[in-house]
Amino acid sequence: MKVVIIGGGGGVGSAAAFSLATSEQSFDLVLTDNRPQMITSHVMDLENAVALAPGASTVRGGTIADAADAEVVVFCAAVPLRLNASRSVYLAENRNILATALAELRATGFAGVLILLTNPVDPLLTWVYRQRWVDRRRLIGYALNDSLRLRTAIAAVHGVHPRDVDAWVVGEHGAGQVPLFSRVAVNGTPVRLNEAERDAAREYLDTWYVRHVALDSGRTSTWSSGLGAAHLVRALSGDRSVTVPACVVLNGEYGLHGVGVGVPAVLGRGGLRSIAEWEIERDELDALRASAKRVEADSVALE
């Protein structure tokens, strides 16, 4: 599978490239960035790293033109991280970066799946969909980290490893995130968290971004986002269906239309296969719909 990573010189893009290059599957990876020296540096490093990988991936530098025959494009390009309390501060600037790159991508005739990681992902993905050239089945926004953080928080409460927790977050990535406490399981057994446990999980989930940005480290959630992006690519490379938290444009699911928010998305080769419409509690559904309204307002502002 050929994968082009736009913004491959940055932390998330290079982490995604490393995760794919060292996996058991084999990928033809092409890294693009407006900083060619960063691409050269990463490629020089990764082409040695693949010697230790179980797969047989290749890594090279390139341009957006290389996406013409790619099956997947991972879009990570964004303005540099700065101190803030919400991803929404990047909306206008990242929309401009996205618009410029997408014009080039469209000109290549790209017909694969676009995975968008650039924040704020929900209104940006909705805006891309409304440009009317990427079908919703080929448009996937990254929304995995919120669920990973919820699983980490619940694992701490129950004294287990995060991998033993099954918990999901839907809705907007950030302030509008909706933890589905009605669907938590630990070691495969459904668990009903009490109010104190829910409060602890919400506290961890709701403050993670602000606490991390306040460190002023200059880096974003590099490892989790890079590995998570690779997880999505692998889901798109196989014939079996995989259900993951992802931002996708809804077409009536959960009572929502034409807006992209995080939901349980069923992915497989070629893109989005379906959306799992789970039975969730009324307050969770109301919160999801309220989240979608905020995304709708932000996406309209971009027109």
C-alpha atoms as a PDB file:
ATOM      1  CA  MET A   1       0.000   0.000   0.000  1.00  0.00           C
ATOM      2  CA  LYS A   2       1.323   3.414  -0.981  1.00  0.00           C
ATOM      3  CA  VAL A   3       0.904   6.060   1.736  1.00  0.00           C
ATOM      4  CA  VAL A   4       1.798   9.745   1.348  1.00  0.00           C
ATOM      5  CA  ILE A   5       2.275  11.706   4.578  1.00  0.00           C
ATOM      6  CA  ILE A   6       1.785  15.453   4.105  1.00  0.00           C
ATOM      7  CA  GLY A   7       3.584  17.175   6.960  1.00  0.00           C
ATOM      8  CA  GLY A   8       5.915  14.204   7.317  1.00  0.00           C
ATOM      9  CA  GLY A   9       8.698  16.387   8.674  1.00  0.00           C
ATOM     10  CA  GLY A  10       6.787  17.208  11.852  1.00  0.00           C
ATOM     11  CA  GLY A  11       6.477  15.246  15.063  1.00  0.00           C
ATOM     12  CA  VAL A  12       3.173  13.522  14.320  1.00  0.00           C
ATOM     13  CA  GLY A  13       3.937  12.861  10.657  1.00  0.00           C
ATOM     14  CA  SER A  14       7.350  11.367  11.376  1.00  0.00           C
ATOM     15  CA  ALA A  15       5.932   9.297  14.261  1.00  0.00           C
ATOM     16  CA  ALA A  16       3.275   7.937  11.904  1.00  0.00           C
ATOM     17  CA  ALA A  17       5.969   7.128   9.346  1.00  0.00           C
ATOM     18  CA  PHE A  18       8.070   5.319  11.976  1.00  0.00           C
ATOM     19  CA  SER A  19       5.083   3.330  13.243  1.00  0.00           C
ATOM     20  CA  LEU A  20       4.182   2.198   9.724  1.00  0.00           C
ATOM     21  CA  ALA A  21       7.775   1.565   8.611  1.00  0.00           C
ATOM     22  CA  THR A  22       8.489  -0.712  11.578  1.00  0.00           C
ATOM     23  CA  SER A  23       5.218  -2.670  11.494  1.00  0.00           C
ATOM     24  CA  GLU A  24       4.755  -6.203  10.223  1.00  0.00           C
ATOM     25  CA  GLN A  25       2.945  -4.975   7.115  1.00  0.00           C
ATOM     26  CA  SER A  26       4.847  -3.454   4.222  1.00  0.00           C
ATOM     27  CA  PHE A  27       4.153   0.087   3.009  1.00  0.00           C
ATOM     28  CA  ASP A  28       5.551   2.353   0.321  1.00  0.00           C
ATOM     29  CA  LEU A  29       5.901   5.539   2.372  1.00  0.00           C
ATOM     30  CA  VAL A  30       6.393   8.967   0.821  1.00  0.00           C
ATOM     31  CA  LEU A  31       7.047  11.913   3.142  1.00  0.00           C
ATOM     32  CA  THR A  32       6.345  15.487   2.058  1.00  0.00           C
ATOM     33  CA  ASP A  33       6.888  18.770   3.897  1.00  0.00           C
ATOM     34  CA  ASN A  34       7.717  22.410   3.166  1.00  0.00           C
ATOM     35  CA  ARG A  35      11.004  21.809   5.026  1.00  0.00           C
ATOM     36  CA  PRO A  36      12.933  19.519   2.661  1.00  0.00           C
ATOM     37  CA  GLN A  37      15.893  19.212   5.033  1.00  0.00           C
ATOM     38  CA  MET A  38      13.590  17.648   7.650  1.00  0.00           C
ATOM     39  CA  ILE A  39      12.306  15.130   5.123  1.00  0.00           C
ATOM     40  CA  THR A  40      15.854  14.222   4.090  1.00  0.00           C
ATOM     41  CA  SER A  41      16.829  13.796   7.744  1.00  0.00           C
ATOM     42  CA  HIS A  42      13.879  11.520   8.552  1.00  0.00           C
ATOM     43  CA  VAL A  43      14.324   9.457   5.388  1.00  0.00           C
ATOM     44  CA  MET A  44      18.046   8.944   6.040  1.00  0.00           C
ATOM     45  CA  ASP A  45      17.159   7.679   9.514  1.00  0.00           C
ATOM     46  CA  LEU A  46      14.119   5.577   8.601  1.00  0.00           C
ATOM     47  CA  GLU A  47      15.744   3.825   5.665  1.00  0.00           C
ATOM     48  CA  ASN A  48      18.158   2.343   8.204  1.00  0.00           C
ATOM     49  CA  ALA A  49      15.451   1.600  10.765  1.00  0.00           C
ATOM     50  CA  VAL A  50      13.499  -0.595   8.335  1.00  0.00           C
ATOM     51  CA  ALA A  51      16.411  -3.054   8.390  1.00  0.00           C
ATOM     52  CA  LEU A  52      15.179  -4.073  11.853  1.00  0.00           C
ATOM     53  CA  ALA A  53      11.494  -4.137  10.934  1.00  0.00           C
ATOM     54  CA  PRO A  54       9.528  -7.375  10.461  1.00  0.00           C
ATOM     55  CA  GLY A  55       7.945  -5.989   7.283  1.00  0.00           C
ATOM     56  CA  ALA A  56       9.596  -4.760   4.102  1.00  0.00           C
ATOM     57  CA  SER A  57       8.515  -1.121   3.955  1.00  0.00           C
ATOM     58  CA  THR A  58      10.281   1.536   1.913  1.00  0.00           C
ATOM     59  CA  VAL A  59      10.604   5.226   2.805  1.00  0.00           C
ATOM     60  CA  ARG A  60      11.434   8.153   0.543  1.00  0.00           C
ATOM     61  CA  GLY A  61      10.873  11.873   0.241  1.00  0.00           C
ATOM     62  CA  GLY A  62       8.573  13.370  -2.362  1.00  0.00           C
ATOM     63  CA  THR A  63       5.899  15.931  -3.118  1.00  0.00           C
ATOM     64  CA  ILE A  64       2.113  16.043  -3.128  1.00  0.00           C
ATOM     65  CA  ALA A  65       2.299  14.971  -6.783  1.00  0.00           C
ATOM     66  CA  ASP A  66       3.263  11.513  -5.500  1.00  0.00           C
ATOM     67  CA  ALA A  67      -0.308  11.147  -4.184  1.00  0.00           C
ATOM     68  CA  ALA A  68      -1.647  10.595  -7.706  1.00  0.00           C
ATOM     69  CA  ASP A  69      -1.560   6.813  -7.258  1.00  0.00           C
ATOM     70  CA  ALA A  70      -1.533   6.621  -3.453  1.00  0.00           C
ATOM     71  CA  GLU A  71      -4.155   4.571  -1.640  1.00  0.00           C
ATOM     72  CA  VAL A  72      -3.962   6.722   1.479  1.00  0.00           C
ATOM     73  CA  VAL A  73      -2.881  10.281   2.235  1.00  0.00           C
ATOM     74  CA  VAL A  74      -2.210  11.173   5.872  1.00  0.00           C
ATOM     75  CA  PHE A  75      -2.507  14.939   6.349  1.00  0.00           C
ATOM     76  CA  CYS A  76      -0.604  16.271   9.388  1.00  0.00           C
ATOM     77  CA  ALA A  77       0.527  19.723   8.215  1.00  0.00           C
ATOM     78  CA  ALA A  78      -0.346  22.505  10.660  1.00  0.00           C
ATOM     79  CA  VAL A  79       0.866  25.729  12.210  1.00  0.00           C
ATOM     80  CA  PRO A  80       3.357  25.323  15.079  1.00  0.00           C
ATOM     81  CA  LEU A  81       1.996  24.516  18.519  1.00  0.00           C
ATOM     82  CA  ARG A  82       1.702  27.472  20.900  1.00  0.00           C
ATOM     83  CA  LEU A  83       0.341  28.072  24.399  1.00  0.00           C
ATOM     84  CA  ASN A  84      -3.465  28.027  24.335  1.00  0.00           C
ATOM     85  CA  ALA A  85      -6.473  26.493  26.019  1.00  0.00           C
ATOM     86  CA  SER A  86      -8.307  25.146  22.972  1.00  0.00           C
ATOM     87  CA  ARG A  87      -7.479  23.649  19.579  1.00  0.00           C
ATOM     88  CA  SER A  88      -9.989  26.082  18.042  1.00  0.00           C
ATOM     89  CA  VAL A  89      -7.344  28.842  17.993  1.00  0.00           C
ATOM     90  CA  TYR A  90      -5.797  27.093  14.987  1.00  0.00           C
ATOM     91  CA  LEU A  91      -9.008  26.994  12.931  1.00  0.00           C
ATOM     92  CA  ALA A  92      -8.401  29.795  10.419  1.00  0.00           C
ATOM     93  CA  GLU A  93      -4.640  29.295  10.039  1.00  0.00           C
ATOM     94  CA  ASN A  94      -4.852  25.549   9.553  1.00  0.00           C
ATOM     95  CA  ARG A  95      -7.763  25.944   7.154  1.00  0.00           C
ATOM     96  CA  ASN A  96      -5.471  28.053   4.942  1.00  0.00           C
ATOM     97  CA  ILE A  97      -2.719  25.438   5.052  1.00  0.00           C
ATOM     98  CA  LEU A  98      -5.253  22.715   4.297  1.00  0.00           C
ATOM     99  CA  ALA A  99      -6.833  24.648   1.409  1.00  0.00           C
ATOM    100  CA  THR A 100      -3.482  25.208  -0.329  1.00  0.00           C
ATOM    101  CA  ALA A 101      -2.398  21.584  -0.023  1.00  0.00           C
ATOM    102  CA  LEU A 102      -5.791  20.178  -1.010  1.00  0.00           C
ATOM    103  CA  ALA A 103      -5.789  22.223  -4.221  1.00  0.00           C
ATOM    104  CA  GLU A 104      -2.530  20.490  -5.148  1.00  0.00           C
ATOM    105  CA  LEU A 105      -3.861  17.118  -4.026  1.00  0.00           C
ATOM    106  CA  ARG A 106      -7.026  17.482  -6.087  1.00  0.00           C
ATOM    107  CA  ALA A 107      -4.980  18.383  -9.162  1.00  0.00           C
ATOM    108  CA  THR A 108      -3.155  15.029  -8.952  1.00  0.00           C
ATOM    109  CA  GLY A 109      -6.402  13.112  -9.441  1.00  0.00           C
ATOM    110  CA  PHE A 110      -5.998  11.451  -6.039  1.00  0.00           C
ATOM    111  CA  ALA A 111      -8.778   8.892  -5.522  1.00  0.00           C
ATOM    112  CA  GLY A 112      -7.714   7.239  -2.275  1.00  0.00           C
ATOM    113  CA  VAL A 113      -8.604   7.782   1.378  1.00  0.00           C
ATOM    114  CA  LEU A 114      -7.679  11.028   3.113  1.00  0.00           C
ATOM    115  CA  ILE A 115      -6.884  10.794   6.839  1.00  0.00           C
ATOM    116  CA  LEU A 116      -6.939  14.229   8.445  1.00  0.00           C
ATOM    117  CA  LEU A 117      -5.041  14.833  11.697  1.00  0.00           C
ATOM    118  CA  THR A 118      -4.820  18.626  11.529  1.00  0.00           C
ATOM    119  CA  ASN A 119      -6.743  20.380  14.317  1.00  0.00           C
ATOM    120  CA  PRO A 120      -9.436  21.338  15.003  1.00  0.00           C
ATOM    121  CA  VAL A 121     -10.195  18.170  13.077  1.00  0.00           C
ATOM    122  CA  ASP A 122     -14.020  18.137  13.194  1.00  0.00           C
ATOM    123  CA  PRO A 123     -14.808  21.519  11.565  1.00  0.00           C
ATOM    124  CA  LEU A 124     -11.885  21.159   9.166  1.00  0.00           C
ATOM    125  CA  LEU A 125     -13.057  17.727   8.027  1.00  0.00           C
ATOM    126  CA  THR A 126     -16.607  19.061   7.635  1.00  0.00           C
ATOM    127  CA  TRP A 127     -15.242  21.944   5.546  1.00  0.00           C
ATOM    128  CA  VAL A 128     -13.262  19.549   3.329  1.00  0.00           C
ATOM    129  CA  TYR A 129     -16.370  17.443   2.742  1.00  0.00           C
ATOM    130  CA  ARG A 130     -18.281  20.533   1.651  1.00  0.00           C
ATOM    131  CA  GLN A 131     -15.728  21.219  -1.068  1.00  0.00           C
ATOM    132  CA  ARG A 132     -17.566  18.396  -2.877  1.00  0.00           C
ATOM    133  CA  TRP A 133     -14.687  16.371  -4.255  1.00  0.00           C
ATOM    134  CA  VAL A 134     -13.942  13.874  -1.473  1.00  0.00           C
ATOM    135  CA  ASP A 135     -16.732  11.378  -0.821  1.00  0.00           C
ATOM    136  CA  ARG A 136     -17.464  10.862   2.867  1.00  0.00           C
ATOM    137  CA  ARG A 137     -16.373   7.229   2.592  1.00  0.00           C
ATOM    138  CA  ARG A 138     -12.889   8.443   1.661  1.00  0.00           C
ATOM    139  CA  LEU A 139     -12.634  11.083   4.395  1.00  0.00           C
ATOM    140  CA  ILE A 140     -11.487  10.035   7.887  1.00  0.00           C
ATOM    141  CA  GLY A 141     -10.593  12.401  10.733  1.00  0.00           C
ATOM    142  CA  TYR A 142      -8.342  11.359  13.597  1.00  0.00           C
ATOM    143  CA  ALA A 143     -10.305  11.004  16.855  1.00  0.00           C
ATOM    144  CA  LEU A 144      -8.605   8.125  18.636  1.00  0.00           C
ATOM    145  CA  ASN A 145      -6.670   9.975  21.334  1.00  0.00           C
ATOM    146  CA  ASP A 146      -9.710  10.991  23.371  1.00  0.00           C
ATOM    147  CA  SER A 147     -10.731   7.349  23.753  1.00  0.00           C
ATOM    148  CA  LEU A 148      -7.150   6.375  24.618  1.00  0.00           C
ATOM    149  CA  ARG A 149      -7.082   9.011  27.357  1.00  0.00           C
ATOM    150  CA  LEU A 150     -10.409   7.848  28.735  1.00  0.00           C
ATOM    151  CA  ARG A 151      -9.114   4.274  28.823  1.00  0.00           C
ATOM    152  CA  THR A 152      -5.974   5.439  30.622  1.00  0.00           C
ATOM    153  CA  ALA A 153      -8.043   7.315  33.205  1.00  0.00           C
ATOM    154  CA  ILE A 154     -10.381   4.375  33.858  1.00  0.00           C
ATOM    155  CA  ALA A 155      -7.429   1.997  34.069  1.00  0.00           C
ATOM    156  CA  ALA A 156      -5.930   4.155  36.836  1.00  0.00           C
ATOM    157  CA  VAL A 157      -9.214   4.072  38.755  1.00  0.00           C
ATOM    158  CA  HIS A 158      -9.480   0.272  38.480  1.00  0.00           C
ATOM    159  CA  GLY A 159      -5.791  -0.549  38.852  1.00  0.00           C
ATOM    160  CA  VAL A 160      -5.484  -2.303  35.484  1.00  0.00           C
ATOM    161  CA  HIS A 161      -3.511  -1.757  32.290  1.00  0.00           C
ATOM    162  CA  PRO A 162      -5.126   0.632  29.736  1.00  0.00           C
ATOM    163  CA  ARG A 163      -5.218  -2.162  27.150  1.00  0.00           C
ATOM    164  CA  ASP A 164      -7.634  -4.033  29.441  1.00  0.00           C
ATOM    165  CA  VAL A 165     -10.177  -1.197  29.239  1.00  0.00           C
ATOM    166  CA  ASP A 166     -12.718  -0.755  26.455  1.00  0.00           C
ATOM    167  CA  ALA A 167     -14.102   2.781  26.580  1.00  0.00           C
ATOM    168  CA  TRP A 168     -15.107   5.242  23.875  1.00  0.00           C
ATOM    169  CA  VAL A 169     -15.366   8.987  23.398  1.00  0.00           C
ATOM    170  CA  VAL A 170     -17.602  10.448  20.687  1.00  0.00           C
ATOM    171  CA  GLY A 171     -18.352  13.989  19.558  1.00  0.00           C
ATOM    172  CA  GLU A 172     -15.983  16.876  18.985  1.00  0.00           C
ATOM    173  CA  HIS A 173     -12.258  16.414  19.620  1.00  0.00           C
ATOM    174  CA  GLY A 174     -11.762  18.691  22.613  1.00  0.00           C
ATOM    175  CA  ALA A 175     -14.329  20.730  24.523  1.00  0.00           C
ATOM    176  CA  GLY A 176     -17.279  18.859  23.012  1.00  0.00           C
ATOM    177  CA  GLN A 177     -15.977  15.353  23.708  1.00  0.00           C
ATOM    178  CA  VAL A 178     -18.567  12.921  25.066  1.00  0.00           C
ATOM    179  CA  PRO A 179     -17.329   9.937  27.126  1.00  0.00           C
ATOM    180  CA  LEU A 180     -19.666   6.964  26.744  1.00  0.00           C
ATOM    181  CA  PHE A 181     -19.791   5.799  30.350  1.00  0.00           C
ATOM    182  CA  SER A 182     -22.700   3.551  29.381  1.00  0.00           C
ATOM    183  CA  ARG A 183     -20.351   1.292  27.376  1.00  0.00           C
ATOM    184  CA  VAL A 184     -17.302   0.760  29.597  1.00  0.00           C
ATOM    185  CA  ALA A 185     -15.805  -2.719  29.967  1.00  0.00           C
ATOM    186  CA  VAL A 186     -12.774  -3.919  31.947  1.00  0.00           C
ATOM    187  CA  ASN A 187     -11.214  -7.232  30.905  1.00  0.00           C
ATOM    188  CA  GLY A 188     -14.270  -7.849  28.738  1.00  0.00           C
ATOM    189  CA  THR A 189     -16.768  -7.372  31.553  1.00  0.00           C
ATOM    190  CA  PRO A 190     -19.200  -4.406  31.449  1.00  0.00           C
ATOM    191  CA  VAL A 191     -18.498  -1.978  34.296  1.00  0.00           C
ATOM    192  CA  ARG A 192     -20.715   0.734  35.726  1.00  0.00           C
ATOM    193  CA  LEU A 193     -18.545   3.543  37.081  1.00  0.00           C
ATOM    194  CA  ASN A 194     -19.821   5.342  40.165  1.00  0.00           C
ATOM    195  CA  GLU A 195     -20.032   9.144  40.193  1.00  0.00           C
ATOM    196  CA  ALA A 196     -16.642   9.622  41.841  1.00  0.00           C
ATOM    197  CA  GLU A 197     -14.993   7.365  39.255  1.00  0.00           C
ATOM    198  CA  ARG A 198     -16.728   9.241  36.445  1.00  0.00           C
ATOM    199  CA  ASP A 199     -15.590  12.565  37.863  1.00  0.00           C
ATOM    200  CA  ALA A 200     -11.995  11.345  38.034  1.00  0.00           C
ATOM    201  CA  ALA A 201     -12.139  10.113  34.447  1.00  0.00           C
ATOM    202  CA  ARG A 202     -13.711  13.373  33.233  1.00  0.00           C
ATOM    203  CA  GLU A 203     -11.077  15.401  35.065  1.00  0.00           C
ATOM    204  CA  TYR A 204      -8.253  13.510  33.372  1.00  0.00           C
ATOM    205  CA  LEU A 205      -9.926  13.631  29.963  1.00  0.00           C
ATOM    206  CA  ASP A 206     -11.029  17.275  30.074  1.00  0.00           C
ATOM    207  CA  THR A 207      -7.734  18.684  31.348  1.00  0.00           C
ATOM    208  CA  TRP A 208      -5.224  16.549  29.428  1.00  0.00           C
ATOM    209  CA  TYR A 209      -4.751  18.968  26.525  1.00  0.00           C
ATOM    210  CA  VAL A 210      -4.439  22.105  28.656  1.00  0.00           C
ATOM    211  CA  ARG A 211      -2.009  20.401  31.040  1.00  0.00           C
ATOM    212  CA  HIS A 212       0.106  19.148  28.171  1.00  0.00           C
ATOM    213  CA  VAL A 213       0.219  22.441  26.268  1.00  0.00           C
ATOM    214  CA  ALA A 214       1.046  24.314  29.491  1.00  0.00           C
ATOM    215  CA  LEU A 215       4.341  22.409  29.623  1.00  0.00           C
ATOM    216  CA  ASP A 216       5.425  24.618  26.676  1.00  0.00           C
ATOM    217  CA  SER A 217       7.476  21.705  25.333  1.00  0.00           C
ATOM    218  CA  GLY A 218       6.833  22.690  21.718  1.00  0.00           C
ATOM    219  CA  ARG A 219       5.542  19.202  20.947  1.00  0.00           C
ATOM    220  CA  THR A 220       2.077  17.813  20.547  1.00  0.00           C
ATOM    221  CA  SER A 221       0.814  14.269  21.285  1.00  0.00           C
ATOM    222  CA  THR A 222       3.440  12.903  18.926  1.00  0.00           C
ATOM    223  CA  TRP A 223       3.631   9.249  19.873  1.00  0.00           C
ATOM    224  CA  SER A 224      -0.044   8.508  20.482  1.00  0.00           C
ATOM    225  CA  SER A 225      -1.158  10.416  17.369  1.00  0.00           C
ATOM    226  CA  GLY A 226       1.527   8.888  15.177  1.00  0.00           C
ATOM    227  CA  LEU A 227       0.810   5.359  16.359  1.00  0.00           C
ATOM    228  CA  GLY A 228      -2.940   6.007  16.168  1.00  0.00           C
ATOM    229  CA  ALA A 229      -2.654   7.277  12.599  1.00  0.00           C
ATOM    230  CA  ALA A 230      -0.744   4.110  11.696  1.00  0.00           C
ATOM    231  CA  HIS A 231      -3.543   2.092  13.308  1.00  0.00           C
ATOM    232  CA  LEU A 232      -6.051   3.770  10.972  1.00  0.00           C
ATOM    233  CA  VAL A 233      -3.865   3.128   7.927  1.00  0.00           C
ATOM    234  CA  ARG A 234      -3.565  -0.540   8.838  1.00  0.00           C
ATOM    235  CA  ALA A 235      -7.350  -0.713   9.246  1.00  0.00           C
ATOM    236  CA  LEU A 236      -7.671   0.642   5.700  1.00  0.00           C
ATOM    237  CA  SER A 237      -5.179  -1.852   4.300  1.00  0.00           C
ATOM    238  CA  GLY A 238      -7.035  -5.034   5.192  1.00  0.00           C
ATOM    239  CA  ASP A 239     -10.091  -6.815   3.871  1.00  0.00           C
ATOM    240  CA  ARG A 240     -11.746  -7.267   7.254  1.00  0.00           C
ATOM    241  CA  SER A 241     -13.732  -4.498   8.933  1.00  0.00           C
ATOM    242  CA  VAL A 242     -12.310  -2.733  11.994  1.00  0.00           C
ATOM    243  CA  THR A 243     -14.384  -0.493  14.295  1.00  0.00           C
ATOM    244  CA  VAL A 244     -12.437   2.499  15.607  1.00  0.00           C
ATOM    245  CA  PRO A 245     -13.220   5.945  17.046  1.00  0.00           C
ATOM    246  CA  ALA A 246     -12.966   8.292  14.056  1.00  0.00           C
ATOM    247  CA  CYS A 247     -14.325  11.598  12.878  1.00  0.00           C
ATOM    248  CA  VAL A 248     -16.537  10.979   9.847  1.00  0.00           C
ATOM    249  CA  VAL A 249     -19.347  12.880   8.140  1.00  0.00           C
ATOM    250  CA  LEU A 250     -22.730  11.612   9.290  1.00  0.00           C
ATOM    251  CA  ASN A 251     -25.646  10.979   6.966  1.00  0.00           C
ATOM    252  CA  GLY A 252     -28.528  10.524   9.379  1.00  0.00           C
ATOM    253  CA  GLU A 253     -26.687   8.401  11.937  1.00  0.00           C
ATOM    254  CA  TYR A 254     -27.415   9.518  15.497  1.00  0.00           C
ATOM    255  CA  GLY A 255     -29.871  12.009  13.991  1.00  0.00           C
ATOM    256  CA  LEU A 256     -27.096  14.114  12.449  1.00  0.00           C
ATOM    257  CA  HIS A 257     -26.577  15.164   8.832  1.00  0.00           C
ATOM    258  CA  GLY A 258     -23.644  16.592   6.906  1.00  0.00           C
ATOM    259  CA  VAL A 259     -21.338  17.231   9.857  1.00  0.00           C
ATOM    260  CA  GLY A 260     -18.169  15.434  10.899  1.00  0.00           C
ATOM    261  CA  VAL A 261     -17.761  14.307  14.516  1.00  0.00           C
ATOM    262  CA  GLY A 262     -16.212  11.372  16.307  1.00  0.00           C
ATOM    263  CA  VAL A 263     -18.266   8.161  16.286  1.00  0.00           C
ATOM    264  CA  PRO A 264     -17.575   4.408  16.165  1.00  0.00           C
ATOM    265  CA  ALA A 265     -16.616   4.052  12.507  1.00  0.00           C
ATOM    266  CA  VAL A 266     -16.273   0.758  10.669  1.00  0.00           C
ATOM    267  CA  LEU A 267     -13.241   0.960   8.371  1.00  0.00           C
ATOM    268  CA  GLY A 268     -11.769  -1.360   5.790  1.00  0.00           C
ATOM    269  CA  ARG A 269     -10.019  -1.300   2.455  1.00  0.00           C
ATOM    270  CA  GLY A 270     -11.328   1.686   0.505  1.00  0.00           C
ATOM    271  CA  GLY A 271     -12.405   3.742   3.526  1.00  0.00           C
ATOM    272  CA  LEU A 272     -15.531   4.064   5.639  1.00  0.00           C
ATOM    273  CA  ARG A 273     -17.797   1.020   5.365  1.00  0.00           C
ATOM    274  CA  SER A 274     -20.445   1.992   7.898  1.00  0.00           C
ATOM    275  CA  ILE A 275     -21.063   3.724  11.210  1.00  0.00           C
ATOM    276  CA  ALA A 276     -21.976   1.680  14.276  1.00  0.00           C
ATOM    277  CA  GLU A 277     -25.141   3.187  15.761  1.00  0.00           C
ATOM    278  CA  TRP A 278     -24.961   2.067  19.349  1.00  0.00           C
ATOM    279  CA  GLU A 279     -27.690   2.364  21.916  1.00  0.00           C
ATOM    280  CA  ILE A 280     -26.371   5.082  24.209  1.00  0.00           C
ATOM    281  CA  GLU A 281     -27.953   6.943  27.101  1.00  0.00           C
ATOM    282  CA  ARG A 282     -30.121   9.959  26.371  1.00  0.00           C
ATOM    283  CA  ASP A 283     -27.746  12.449  27.982  1.00  0.00           C
ATOM    284  CA  GLU A 284     -24.885  11.054  25.885  1.00  0.00           C
ATOM    285  CA  LEU A 285     -26.907  11.391  22.685  1.00  0.00           C
ATOM    286  CA  ASP A 286     -27.938  14.949  23.594  1.00  0.00           C
ATOM    287  CA  ALA A 287     -24.307  15.856  24.291  1.00  0.00           C
ATOM    288  CA  LEU A 288     -23.228  14.356  20.953  1.00  0.00           C
ATOM    289  CA  ARG A 289     -25.812  16.418  19.102  1.00  0.00           C
ATOM    290  CA  ALA A 290     -24.841  19.586  20.980  1.00  0.00           C
ATOM    291  CA  SER A 291     -21.218  18.910  20.061  1.00  0.00           C
ATOM    292  CA  ALA A 292     -22.199  18.583  16.399  1.00  0.00           C
ATOM    293  CA  LYS A 293     -23.922  21.980  16.525  1.00  0.00           C
ATOM    294  CA  ARG A 294     -20.678  23.618  17.636  1.00  0.00           C
ATOM    295  CA  VAL A 295     -18.779  21.894  14.850  1.00  0.00           C
ATOM    296  CA  GLU A 296     -21.389  23.027  12.350  1.00  0.00           C
ATOM    297  CA  ALA A 297     -21.029  26.645  13.485  1.00  0.00           C
ATOM    298  CA  ASP A 298     -17.234  26.532  13.220  1.00  0.00           C
ATOM    299  CA  SER A 299     -17.310  24.924   9.777  1.00  0.00           C
ATOM    300  CA  VAL A 300     -19.794  27.509   8.462  1.00  0.00           C
ATOM    301  CA  ALA A 301     -17.414  30.242   9.626  1.00  0.00           C
ATOM    302  CA  LEU A 302     -14.793  28.831   7.261  1.00  0.00           C
ATOM    303  CA  GLU A 303     -16.904  29.248   4.125  1.00  0.00           C
END
